[in-house]
């Protein structure tokens, strides 16, 4: 069961706060998607953010209105979907549980494993057919639908993944124990191990 659609004002706040509160919300693109189980936050003070060095043609959507999509290609291979917050800030949608249209997602991915369909930003975009055509598109109209919801477990914070700068910032938020996340929470090393 999903709640009301998220208004643009929901996003006009600090990215880390929005990222935590997006976990459990339901994201669909043309009716395909499910509950968000993992996010990462970025803002202009963060050396890992695309906006750290100011506006460019590539990151223009991140400086646009809150509540819009910022889609970029990672390493020239995979599309990544971000939800724009305050100017220069966004939340990367890292993973969701594939509840709506799983057969279509599987066909798009050429994969039957439901736990890998949307586990990672590139996989998620391929499963939802997100490309740069959605860059700058408002999140409160087609093809997007983003509604409030509650996570199926505790939301925990962890370090972000795949970065060389800002690695220790605990701005990755995920449902603890969810089999749909891209990577489980990193456990600190045990003393004496």
Protein backbone atom coordinates (compact mmCIF):
# COMPACT_ATOMS: atom_id res chain seq x y z
CA UNK A 1 0.00 0.00 0.00
CA UNK A 2 1.41 3.36 -0.96
CA UNK A 3 0.65 6.78 0.41
CA UNK A 4 0.22 10.14 -1.26
CA UNK A 5 2.57 11.44 -3.94
CA UNK A 6 5.61 13.28 -2.62
CA UNK A 7 5.42 17.03 -3.37
CA UNK A 8 8.38 19.03 -4.66
CA UNK A 9 8.64 20.64 -1.20
CA UNK A 10 9.62 17.23 0.24
CA UNK A 11 12.88 17.49 -1.73
CA UNK A 12 13.69 21.14 -0.91
CA UNK A 13 15.70 20.11 2.15
CA UNK A 14 19.21 18.80 2.93
CA UNK A 15 20.01 15.73 0.83
CA UNK A 16 21.00 13.51 3.79
CA UNK A 17 17.63 14.07 5.44
CA UNK A 18 15.75 13.42 2.19
CA UNK A 19 17.86 10.31 1.48
CA UNK A 20 16.94 8.74 4.82
CA UNK A 21 13.24 9.56 4.43
CA UNK A 22 13.09 8.20 0.86
CA UNK A 23 13.84 4.68 2.09
CA UNK A 24 10.47 2.92 2.03
CA UNK A 25 8.90 5.33 -0.45
CA UNK A 26 7.63 3.74 -3.66
CA UNK A 27 9.21 4.76 -6.97
CA UNK A 28 7.78 3.73 -10.32
CA UNK A 29 8.63 4.76 -13.86
CA UNK A 30 5.73 4.14 -16.25
CA UNK A 31 4.23 1.88 -13.55
CA UNK A 32 7.35 -0.27 -13.08
CA UNK A 33 9.31 -0.20 -9.80
CA UNK A 34 8.81 -0.66 -6.07
CA UNK A 35 9.85 0.47 -2.59
CA UNK A 36 13.22 2.17 -2.34
CA UNK A 37 15.57 0.16 -0.10
CA UNK A 38 18.86 2.06 -0.54
CA UNK A 39 19.90 5.67 -1.23
CA UNK A 40 22.99 7.89 -1.09
CA UNK A 41 23.12 11.64 -0.44
CA UNK A 42 25.38 14.24 -2.08
CA UNK A 43 25.65 18.01 -1.57
CA UNK A 44 27.94 20.78 -2.88
CA UNK A 45 30.21 20.69 0.21
CA UNK A 46 30.95 17.01 -0.46
CA UNK A 47 34.14 16.28 -2.45
CA UNK A 48 32.41 13.19 -3.94
CA UNK A 49 29.53 15.26 -5.35
CA UNK A 50 29.28 16.22 -9.02
CA UNK A 51 28.58 19.78 -7.82
CA UNK A 52 31.66 20.19 -5.61
CA UNK A 53 33.41 22.32 -8.27
CA UNK A 54 30.29 24.27 -9.26
CA UNK A 55 27.80 24.15 -12.14
CA UNK A 56 28.61 22.46 -15.45
CA UNK A 57 26.55 21.31 -18.41
CA UNK A 58 26.57 17.76 -17.00
CA UNK A 59 25.31 18.66 -13.50
CA UNK A 60 22.90 21.45 -14.50
CA UNK A 61 19.86 19.54 -13.24
CA UNK A 62 21.35 19.41 -9.74
CA UNK A 63 21.23 23.20 -9.63
CA UNK A 64 17.65 23.26 -10.92
CA UNK A 65 14.41 23.03 -8.98
CA UNK A 66 13.99 20.51 -6.16
CA UNK A 67 11.86 17.50 -7.04
CA UNK A 68 13.36 16.86 -10.48
CA UNK A 69 15.46 13.99 -11.83
CA UNK A 70 19.19 14.22 -12.41
CA UNK A 71 20.31 11.36 -14.66
CA UNK A 72 23.94 10.84 -15.64
CA UNK A 73 26.06 8.06 -17.11
CA UNK A 74 28.55 6.45 -14.73
CA UNK A 75 31.91 5.37 -16.17
CA UNK A 76 30.37 5.67 -19.64
CA UNK A 77 28.36 2.49 -19.01
CA UNK A 78 25.36 2.84 -16.71
CA UNK A 79 22.67 5.45 -16.18
CA UNK A 80 22.16 6.62 -12.58
CA UNK A 81 18.96 8.22 -11.25
CA UNK A 82 19.23 11.01 -8.68
CA UNK A 83 16.44 13.02 -7.09
CA UNK A 84 17.31 16.73 -6.82
CA UNK A 85 17.05 18.37 -3.38
CA UNK A 86 18.40 21.78 -2.34
CA UNK A 87 20.50 23.52 -5.03
CA UNK A 88 23.56 21.42 -5.84
CA UNK A 89 22.25 18.47 -3.80
CA UNK A 90 20.68 15.18 -4.81
CA UNK A 91 19.91 11.65 -3.67
CA UNK A 92 21.14 8.71 -5.72
CA UNK A 93 18.59 5.88 -5.79
CA UNK A 94 20.82 2.82 -5.31
CA UNK A 95 18.28 -0.01 -5.00
CA UNK A 96 14.62 -0.89 -4.79
CA UNK A 97 12.49 -3.98 -4.24
CA UNK A 98 11.00 -4.96 -7.64
CA UNK A 99 7.28 -5.24 -6.79
CA UNK A 100 5.58 -3.59 -9.77
CA UNK A 101 6.32 -5.09 -13.19
CA UNK A 102 9.00 -7.61 -12.17
CA UNK A 103 8.58 -9.59 -15.39
CA UNK A 104 9.23 -6.50 -17.51
CA UNK A 105 12.24 -5.62 -15.34
CA UNK A 106 13.59 -9.16 -15.77
CA UNK A 107 13.16 -8.93 -19.55
CA UNK A 108 14.96 -5.58 -19.67
CA UNK A 109 17.81 -6.93 -17.58
CA UNK A 110 17.93 -10.43 -19.13
CA UNK A 111 17.95 -11.75 -15.58
CA UNK A 112 15.50 -13.73 -13.45
CA UNK A 113 17.04 -13.22 -9.99
CA UNK A 114 14.66 -10.80 -8.20
CA UNK A 115 17.35 -9.85 -5.68
CA UNK A 116 19.70 -8.54 -8.42
CA UNK A 117 17.15 -6.83 -10.70
CA UNK A 118 17.42 -3.39 -9.06
CA UNK A 119 20.37 -3.86 -6.66
CA UNK A 120 22.66 -1.02 -7.73
CA UNK A 121 22.02 2.26 -9.54
CA UNK A 122 22.94 0.99 -13.02
CA UNK A 123 20.85 -2.15 -12.66
CA UNK A 124 17.94 -0.13 -11.32
CA UNK A 125 18.00 2.28 -14.27
CA UNK A 126 18.15 -0.52 -16.79
CA UNK A 127 15.26 -2.35 -15.10
CA UNK A 128 13.17 0.85 -15.03
CA UNK A 129 14.28 1.98 -18.53
CA UNK A 130 15.68 5.26 -17.15
CA UNK A 131 18.04 7.15 -19.49
CA UNK A 132 19.18 10.71 -19.96
CA UNK A 133 15.79 11.35 -21.59
CA UNK A 134 14.47 11.72 -18.01
CA UNK A 135 17.19 14.18 -16.92
CA UNK A 136 15.50 17.32 -15.58
CA UNK A 137 12.01 15.80 -15.62
CA UNK A 138 9.79 16.68 -12.62
CA UNK A 139 9.30 13.74 -10.25
CA UNK A 140 5.62 14.56 -9.68
CA UNK A 141 4.51 13.77 -13.23
CA UNK A 142 4.81 10.99 -15.82
CA UNK A 143 6.76 8.87 -16.30
CA UNK A 144 7.61 9.13 -12.59
CA UNK A 145 5.42 8.31 -9.62
CA UNK A 146 6.93 8.66 -6.17
CA UNK A 147 4.71 8.05 -3.15
CA UNK A 148 5.26 7.96 0.58
CA UNK A 149 5.72 4.62 2.28
CA UNK A 150 7.33 2.90 5.23
CA UNK A 151 10.44 0.70 5.08
CA UNK A 152 10.18 -3.03 5.81
CA UNK A 153 12.69 -2.76 8.64
CA UNK A 154 15.10 -0.41 10.36
CA UNK A 155 16.84 2.23 8.25
CA UNK A 156 20.57 2.37 8.96
CA UNK A 157 23.36 4.67 7.77
CA UNK A 158 26.64 3.45 6.29
CA UNK A 159 29.55 4.74 4.23
CA UNK A 160 28.85 5.30 0.55
CA UNK A 161 30.06 2.87 -2.11
CA UNK A 162 32.50 3.19 -5.03
CA UNK A 163 34.04 6.53 -4.07
CA UNK A 164 37.60 7.75 -3.81
CA UNK A 165 36.73 11.02 -1.99
CA UNK A 166 34.32 11.52 0.91
CA UNK A 167 34.43 7.77 1.53
CA UNK A 168 33.81 7.93 5.27
CA UNK A 169 30.70 10.13 5.05
CA UNK A 170 27.81 7.94 6.36
CA UNK A 171 25.30 9.12 3.78
CA UNK A 172 24.20 5.73 2.41
CA UNK A 173 20.84 4.78 3.90
CA UNK A 174 19.37 1.31 3.59
CA UNK A 175 16.92 -1.15 5.05
CA UNK A 176 18.95 -3.33 7.40
CA UNK A 177 18.84 -6.95 6.30
CA UNK A 178 17.03 -6.31 3.00
CA UNK A 179 18.03 -8.85 0.34
CA UNK A 180 17.43 -6.20 -2.34
CA UNK A 181 20.22 -3.75 -1.42
CA UNK A 182 23.32 -3.46 -3.58
CA UNK A 183 25.63 -4.27 -0.69
CA UNK A 184 24.88 -5.00 2.98
CA UNK A 185 26.08 -2.75 5.77
CA UNK A 186 29.82 -2.98 6.31
CA UNK A 187 30.65 -4.44 9.67
CA UNK A 188 33.52 -2.83 11.58
CA UNK A 189 36.46 -5.19 12.12
CA UNK A 190 36.35 -7.12 15.36
CA UNK A 191 38.97 -6.31 17.97
CA UNK A 192 41.76 -8.84 18.08
CA UNK A 193 40.78 -10.31 14.71
